[in-house]
């Protein structure tokens, strides 16, 4: 089925364009964060937010354009947003955990110790322990 995008009302085109610009801007911010943050652990957060919120803006713009062009609500684009919102953070969380495991097993001093290792260390004097 061909859509006649020439008949999209001006108000819908303006609102959709605003969502497209917002989505593209958020995705660009995530990309800038990915390129400029100093460490892997700092870099992993920016693309997650950029792609999730950026995809949300693109999905909203797409829903507005296709709904206005077809004359009926088009809601199947929501599935794209749901999948992008769910899969991107989970994927980057798993990358972060794998990297953290690798860095801890290699003994990287810049990575905090595992919670189990920190619990087994003796308390420092002056932290409210039994030390005089």
Protein backbone atom coordinates (compact mmCIF):
# COMPACT_ATOMS: atom_id res chain seq x y z
CA UNK A 1 0.00 0.00 0.00
CA UNK A 2 1.47 3.33 -1.07
CA UNK A 3 1.24 6.31 1.25
CA UNK A 4 0.56 9.78 -0.08
CA UNK A 5 2.93 11.86 2.03
CA UNK A 6 2.13 15.00 0.06
CA UNK A 7 -1.22 15.12 1.88
CA UNK A 8 0.26 15.11 5.39
CA UNK A 9 -1.11 18.19 7.18
CA UNK A 10 1.37 20.94 7.99
CA UNK A 11 0.79 20.65 11.75
CA UNK A 12 1.62 16.92 11.66
CA UNK A 13 4.74 17.53 9.58
CA UNK A 14 5.97 20.20 11.99
CA UNK A 15 5.34 18.08 15.10
CA UNK A 16 6.93 15.01 13.47
CA UNK A 17 9.93 17.07 12.35
CA UNK A 18 10.37 18.29 15.94
CA UNK A 19 10.37 14.69 17.19
CA UNK A 20 12.84 13.67 14.46
CA UNK A 21 15.19 16.52 15.39
CA UNK A 22 14.92 15.71 19.11
CA UNK A 23 15.55 12.01 18.45
CA UNK A 24 18.49 12.74 16.20
CA UNK A 25 19.91 15.22 18.73
CA UNK A 26 19.68 12.71 21.59
CA UNK A 27 21.33 10.06 19.45
CA UNK A 28 24.08 12.56 18.57
CA UNK A 29 24.63 13.32 22.27
CA UNK A 30 25.04 9.60 22.94
CA UNK A 31 27.54 9.36 20.11
CA UNK A 32 29.50 12.35 21.40
CA UNK A 33 29.57 10.77 24.87
CA UNK A 34 30.79 7.51 23.38
CA UNK A 35 33.61 9.31 21.59
CA UNK A 36 34.70 11.67 24.39
CA UNK A 37 34.42 9.87 27.73
CA UNK A 38 37.79 8.63 28.98
CA UNK A 39 37.12 5.04 30.06
CA UNK A 40 35.09 2.11 28.83
CA UNK A 41 32.86 2.18 31.91
CA UNK A 42 32.04 5.86 31.41
CA UNK A 43 31.50 5.36 27.68
CA UNK A 44 29.04 2.50 28.09
CA UNK A 45 26.29 4.70 29.57
CA UNK A 46 25.99 7.41 26.90
CA UNK A 47 25.02 5.26 23.89
CA UNK A 48 22.37 3.48 25.95
CA UNK A 49 20.56 6.70 26.74
CA UNK A 50 21.18 8.16 23.30
CA UNK A 51 19.84 5.19 21.41
CA UNK A 52 16.86 4.58 23.70
CA UNK A 53 15.63 8.16 23.87
CA UNK A 54 16.70 8.85 20.29
CA UNK A 55 14.72 5.87 19.07
CA UNK A 56 11.76 7.14 21.07
CA UNK A 57 11.84 10.47 19.25
CA UNK A 58 12.12 8.77 15.87
CA UNK A 59 9.27 6.37 16.68
CA UNK A 60 7.00 9.23 17.76
CA UNK A 61 7.77 11.18 14.59
CA UNK A 62 7.16 8.10 12.45
CA UNK A 63 3.85 7.37 14.17
CA UNK A 64 2.65 10.94 13.59
CA UNK A 65 3.61 10.98 9.90
CA UNK A 66 2.15 7.57 9.08
CA UNK A 67 -1.01 8.22 11.12
CA UNK A 68 -1.59 11.54 9.35
CA UNK A 69 -0.82 10.06 5.91
CA UNK A 70 -3.09 7.03 6.32
CA UNK A 71 -5.90 8.76 8.19
CA UNK A 72 -5.92 6.15 10.98
CA UNK A 73 -3.79 5.57 14.08
CA UNK A 74 -0.60 3.68 13.32
CA UNK A 75 0.65 2.09 16.53
CA UNK A 76 2.83 -0.81 15.35
CA UNK A 77 5.88 1.48 15.48
CA UNK A 78 5.63 1.24 19.26
CA UNK A 79 7.07 -2.28 18.98
CA UNK A 80 10.25 -0.85 17.45
CA UNK A 81 10.60 1.53 20.37
CA UNK A 82 9.96 -1.22 22.92
CA UNK A 83 12.55 -3.53 21.37
CA UNK A 84 15.15 -0.75 21.12
CA UNK A 85 14.46 0.38 24.69
CA UNK A 86 14.70 -3.13 26.11
CA UNK A 87 17.53 -4.66 24.11
CA UNK A 88 20.06 -1.82 24.06
CA UNK A 89 20.45 -1.35 27.84
CA UNK A 90 20.49 -5.11 28.45
CA UNK A 91 23.16 -5.62 25.79
CA UNK A 92 25.37 -2.85 27.16
CA UNK A 93 24.85 -4.10 30.73
CA UNK A 94 26.08 -7.54 29.68
CA UNK A 95 29.09 -5.95 27.92
CA UNK A 96 29.86 -4.00 31.08
CA UNK A 97 29.63 -7.08 33.28
CA UNK A 98 31.85 -9.10 30.96
CA UNK A 99 34.41 -6.31 30.91
CA UNK A 100 34.27 -5.92 34.70
CA UNK A 101 34.77 -9.67 35.14
CA UNK A 102 37.74 -9.59 32.76
CA UNK A 103 39.31 -6.57 34.45
CA UNK A 104 38.89 -8.07 37.93
CA UNK A 105 40.35 -11.42 36.88
CA UNK A 106 43.35 -9.61 35.36
CA UNK A 107 43.80 -7.60 38.58
CA UNK A 108 43.27 -4.18 37.03
CA UNK A 109 43.84 -1.67 39.90
CA UNK A 110 41.44 0.91 38.38
CA UNK A 111 38.43 -1.38 38.89
CA UNK A 112 36.78 -1.63 42.32
CA UNK A 113 36.96 -5.07 43.95
CA UNK A 114 34.04 -7.48 43.82
CA UNK A 115 31.52 -7.05 46.68
CA UNK A 116 32.52 -10.45 48.12
CA UNK A 117 36.21 -9.43 48.22
CA UNK A 118 35.41 -6.11 49.89
CA UNK A 119 33.29 -7.83 52.56
CA UNK A 120 36.15 -10.22 53.44
CA UNK A 121 38.72 -7.44 54.00
CA UNK A 122 39.35 -6.43 57.64
CA UNK A 123 37.84 -3.15 58.76
CA UNK A 124 40.20 -0.20 58.96
CA UNK A 125 40.91 1.31 62.38
CA UNK A 126 38.79 4.34 63.09
CA UNK A 127 35.78 3.19 61.04
CA UNK A 128 33.71 2.21 64.04
CA UNK A 129 35.18 -1.28 64.38
CA UNK A 130 36.55 -2.92 67.52
CA UNK A 131 40.00 -1.40 67.01
CA UNK A 132 41.21 0.84 69.88
